[in-house]
Amino acid sequence: MFINYKKSCCLKFGHRHDIKCADGVSLSGRILSWVCEVLYLGVYILTSRQFKISVHNAKRSFHRAANDTLDNIM
């Protein structure tokens, strides 16, 4: 199985999400970086104590499209 290390990263959530870990996890000799949020299937997953997602970008995209549609109608 081929894993694209350029598109892979590490994300922590749970009661130890804010504890500093090793600089990176090795995947086939490549170092993966730690991130605070990751985009997965159109939803941003955030690092926090509990599983948390952000819908801010989806709302912004929806409002942008709705405003554009309404501007074209009027």
N, C-alpha and C. Protein backbone atom coordinates (compact mmCIF):
# COMPACT_ATOMS: atom_id res chain seq x y z
N MET A 1 0.84 -1.18 0.00
CA MET A 1 0.00 0.00 0.00
C MET A 1 0.88 1.24 0.00
N PHE A 2 0.61 2.15 -0.90
CA PHE A 2 1.39 3.37 -1.01
C PHE A 2 0.71 4.48 -0.22
N ILE A 3 1.46 5.15 0.65
CA ILE A 3 0.94 6.27 1.43
C ILE A 3 1.65 7.54 0.97
N ASN A 4 0.90 8.54 0.59
CA ASN A 4 1.46 9.80 0.14
C ASN A 4 1.85 10.64 1.35
N TYR A 5 3.13 10.73 1.64
CA TYR A 5 3.59 11.45 2.82
C TYR A 5 3.40 12.95 2.68
N LYS A 6 3.29 13.47 1.46
CA LYS A 6 3.08 14.91 1.27
C LYS A 6 1.69 15.33 1.73
N LYS A 7 0.73 14.42 1.67
CA LYS A 7 -0.64 14.72 2.07
C LYS A 7 -0.98 14.19 3.45
N SER A 8 0.00 13.62 4.15
CA SER A 8 -0.24 13.03 5.46
C SER A 8 0.31 13.93 6.56
N CYS A 9 -0.34 13.90 7.72
CA CYS A 9 0.10 14.68 8.86
C CYS A 9 -0.41 14.02 10.13
N CYS A 10 0.01 14.54 11.27
CA CYS A 10 -0.40 14.00 12.58
C CYS A 10 -1.27 15.01 13.30
N LEU A 11 -2.30 14.50 13.97
CA LEU A 11 -3.22 15.33 14.73
C LEU A 11 -3.56 14.61 16.02
N LYS A 12 -3.58 15.34 17.14
CA LYS A 12 -3.89 14.72 18.42
C LYS A 12 -5.19 15.28 18.97
N PHE A 13 -5.99 14.41 19.56
CA PHE A 13 -7.10 14.86 20.38
C PHE A 13 -7.25 13.89 21.53
N GLY A 14 -7.76 14.38 22.64
CA GLY A 14 -7.85 13.61 23.86
C GLY A 14 -7.34 14.44 25.03
N HIS A 15 -7.29 13.85 26.18
CA HIS A 15 -6.91 14.62 27.37
C HIS A 15 -5.46 15.09 27.36
N ARG A 16 -4.63 14.53 26.49
CA ARG A 16 -3.23 14.98 26.40
C ARG A 16 -2.95 15.67 25.07
N HIS A 17 -3.95 16.32 24.49
CA HIS A 17 -3.77 16.93 23.17
C HIS A 17 -2.79 18.10 23.17
N ASP A 18 -2.62 18.75 24.31
CA ASP A 18 -1.75 19.92 24.37
C ASP A 18 -0.34 19.61 24.86
N ILE A 19 -0.03 18.35 25.13
CA ILE A 19 1.31 17.95 25.56
C ILE A 19 2.21 17.85 24.34
N LYS A 20 3.41 18.40 24.46
CA LYS A 20 4.38 18.37 23.36
C LYS A 20 4.85 16.94 23.11
N CYS A 21 4.80 16.53 21.85
CA CYS A 21 5.25 15.19 21.46
C CYS A 21 6.58 15.30 20.73
N ALA A 22 7.00 14.19 20.23
CA ALA A 22 8.22 14.17 19.41
C ALA A 22 8.02 15.10 18.22
N ASP A 23 9.12 15.53 17.63
CA ASP A 23 9.04 16.48 16.52
C ASP A 23 8.25 15.95 15.34
N GLY A 24 8.21 14.68 15.15
CA GLY A 24 7.46 14.13 14.04
C GLY A 24 7.45 12.62 14.07
N VAL A 25 6.54 12.07 13.37
CA VAL A 25 6.42 10.62 13.26
C VAL A 25 7.00 10.23 11.92
N SER A 26 7.77 9.16 11.91
CA SER A 26 8.41 8.73 10.69
C SER A 26 7.49 7.77 9.92
N LEU A 27 7.36 8.02 8.64
CA LEU A 27 6.59 7.17 7.76
C LEU A 27 7.45 6.87 6.55
N SER A 28 7.94 5.67 6.45
CA SER A 28 8.83 5.25 5.36
C SER A 28 10.06 6.15 5.27
N GLY A 29 10.57 6.55 6.43
CA GLY A 29 11.76 7.39 6.47
C GLY A 29 11.48 8.86 6.31
N ARG A 30 10.23 9.25 6.12
CA ARG A 30 9.85 10.66 5.99
C ARG A 30 9.20 11.12 7.29
N ILE A 31 9.44 12.36 7.67
CA ILE A 31 8.89 12.91 8.90
C ILE A 31 7.55 13.59 8.61
N LEU A 32 6.52 13.21 9.37
CA LEU A 32 5.21 13.84 9.26
C LEU A 32 5.11 14.96 10.28
N SER A 33 4.48 16.05 9.92
CA SER A 33 4.38 17.19 10.82
C SER A 33 3.11 17.11 11.66
N TRP A 34 3.14 17.78 12.82
CA TRP A 34 1.97 17.90 13.69
C TRP A 34 1.20 19.14 13.29
N VAL A 35 -0.12 19.04 13.19
CA VAL A 35 -0.96 20.16 12.79
C VAL A 35 -2.07 20.36 13.82
N CYS A 36 -2.70 21.55 13.79
CA CYS A 36 -3.81 21.86 14.70
C CYS A 36 -5.16 21.55 14.07
N GLU A 37 -5.22 21.52 12.76
CA GLU A 37 -6.46 21.18 12.07
C GLU A 37 -6.13 20.48 10.76
N VAL A 38 -7.04 19.63 10.33
CA VAL A 38 -6.83 18.88 9.10
C VAL A 38 -8.16 18.82 8.35
N LEU A 39 -8.11 18.93 7.05
CA LEU A 39 -9.30 18.85 6.21
C LEU A 39 -9.47 17.40 5.77
N TYR A 40 -10.61 16.81 6.12
CA TYR A 40 -10.89 15.43 5.76
C TYR A 40 -12.33 15.35 5.27
N LEU A 41 -12.50 14.99 4.01
CA LEU A 41 -13.82 14.86 3.38
C LEU A 41 -14.65 16.13 3.54
N GLY A 42 -14.01 17.29 3.38
CA GLY A 42 -14.70 18.57 3.42
C GLY A 42 -14.98 19.11 4.80
N VAL A 43 -14.55 18.43 5.85
CA VAL A 43 -14.77 18.87 7.22
C VAL A 43 -13.42 19.08 7.89
N TYR A 44 -13.27 20.20 8.59
CA TYR A 44 -12.03 20.45 9.32
C TYR A 44 -12.12 19.79 10.70
N ILE A 45 -11.19 18.91 11.00
CA ILE A 45 -11.09 18.27 12.30
C ILE A 45 -10.04 19.03 13.09
N LEU A 46 -10.39 19.45 14.31
CA LEU A 46 -9.53 20.27 15.14
C LEU A 46 -8.92 19.47 16.27
N THR A 47 -7.74 19.89 16.71
CA THR A 47 -7.13 19.27 17.88
C THR A 47 -7.77 19.88 19.13
N SER A 48 -8.22 19.04 20.04
CA SER A 48 -8.84 19.50 21.28
C SER A 48 -8.98 18.33 22.24
N ARG A 49 -9.56 18.60 23.41
CA ARG A 49 -9.74 17.56 24.42
C ARG A 49 -10.71 16.49 23.93
N GLN A 50 -11.78 16.90 23.28
CA GLN A 50 -12.75 15.97 22.71
C GLN A 50 -12.74 16.11 21.20
N PHE A 51 -13.34 15.14 20.52
CA PHE A 51 -13.42 15.22 19.06
C PHE A 51 -14.21 16.45 18.68
N LYS A 52 -13.61 17.32 17.85
CA LYS A 52 -14.24 18.59 17.50
C LYS A 52 -14.03 18.86 16.02
N ILE A 53 -15.08 19.37 15.39
CA ILE A 53 -14.98 19.76 13.99
C ILE A 53 -15.33 21.23 13.85
N SER A 54 -14.91 21.83 12.77
CA SER A 54 -15.21 23.22 12.49
C SER A 54 -16.02 23.30 11.20
N VAL A 55 -17.14 24.01 11.27
CA VAL A 55 -17.97 24.20 10.09
C VAL A 55 -17.88 25.64 9.58
N HIS A 56 -16.95 26.41 10.12
CA HIS A 56 -16.80 27.81 9.74
C HIS A 56 -16.56 27.97 8.24
N ASN A 57 -15.66 27.19 7.68
CA ASN A 57 -15.36 27.31 6.25
C ASN A 57 -16.53 26.87 5.38
N ALA A 58 -17.28 25.86 5.82
CA ALA A 58 -18.45 25.41 5.06
C ALA A 58 -19.53 26.49 5.08
N LYS A 59 -19.74 27.13 6.22
CA LYS A 59 -20.72 28.21 6.31
C LYS A 59 -20.32 29.38 5.42
N ARG A 60 -19.05 29.74 5.47
CA ARG A 60 -18.56 30.86 4.67
C ARG A 60 -18.74 30.57 3.18
N SER A 61 -18.45 29.35 2.77
CA SER A 61 -18.61 28.97 1.37
C SER A 61 -20.08 29.00 0.97
N PHE A 62 -20.96 28.52 1.85
CA PHE A 62 -22.39 28.53 1.55
C PHE A 62 -22.91 29.96 1.42
N HIS A 63 -22.55 30.84 2.35
CA HIS A 63 -23.01 32.22 2.29
C HIS A 63 -22.48 32.95 1.06
N ARG A 64 -21.25 32.65 0.69
CA ARG A 64 -20.67 33.26 -0.51
C ARG A 64 -21.47 32.85 -1.74
N ALA A 65 -21.79 31.57 -1.86
CA ALA A 65 -22.55 31.08 -3.01
C ALA A 65 -23.98 31.62 -3.00
N ALA A 66 -24.60 31.68 -1.83
CA ALA A 66 -25.97 32.20 -1.73
C ALA A 66 -26.01 33.68 -2.10
N ASN A 67 -25.06 34.45 -1.60
CA ASN A 67 -25.03 35.88 -1.93
C ASN A 67 -24.78 36.10 -3.41
N ASP A 68 -23.92 35.30 -4.00
CA ASP A 68 -23.65 35.43 -5.43
C ASP A 68 -24.90 35.11 -6.24
N THR A 69 -25.62 34.07 -5.84
CA THR A 69 -26.84 33.69 -6.55
C THR A 69 -27.90 34.77 -6.42
N LEU A 70 -28.07 35.31 -5.20
CA LEU A 70 -29.07 36.35 -4.99
C LEU A 70 -28.69 37.63 -5.73
N ASP A 71 -27.43 37.97 -5.80
CA ASP A 71 -26.99 39.16 -6.54
C ASP A 71 -27.30 39.02 -8.04
N ASN A 72 -27.15 37.81 -8.57
CA ASN A 72 -27.41 37.60 -9.99
C ASN A 72 -28.90 37.63 -10.30
N ILE A 73 -29.73 37.28 -9.35
CA ILE A 73 -31.19 37.28 -9.56
C ILE A 73 -31.71 38.71 -9.57
N MET A 74 -31.22 39.53 -8.66
CA MET A 74 -31.75 40.89 -8.52
C MET A 74 -31.09 41.85 -9.42
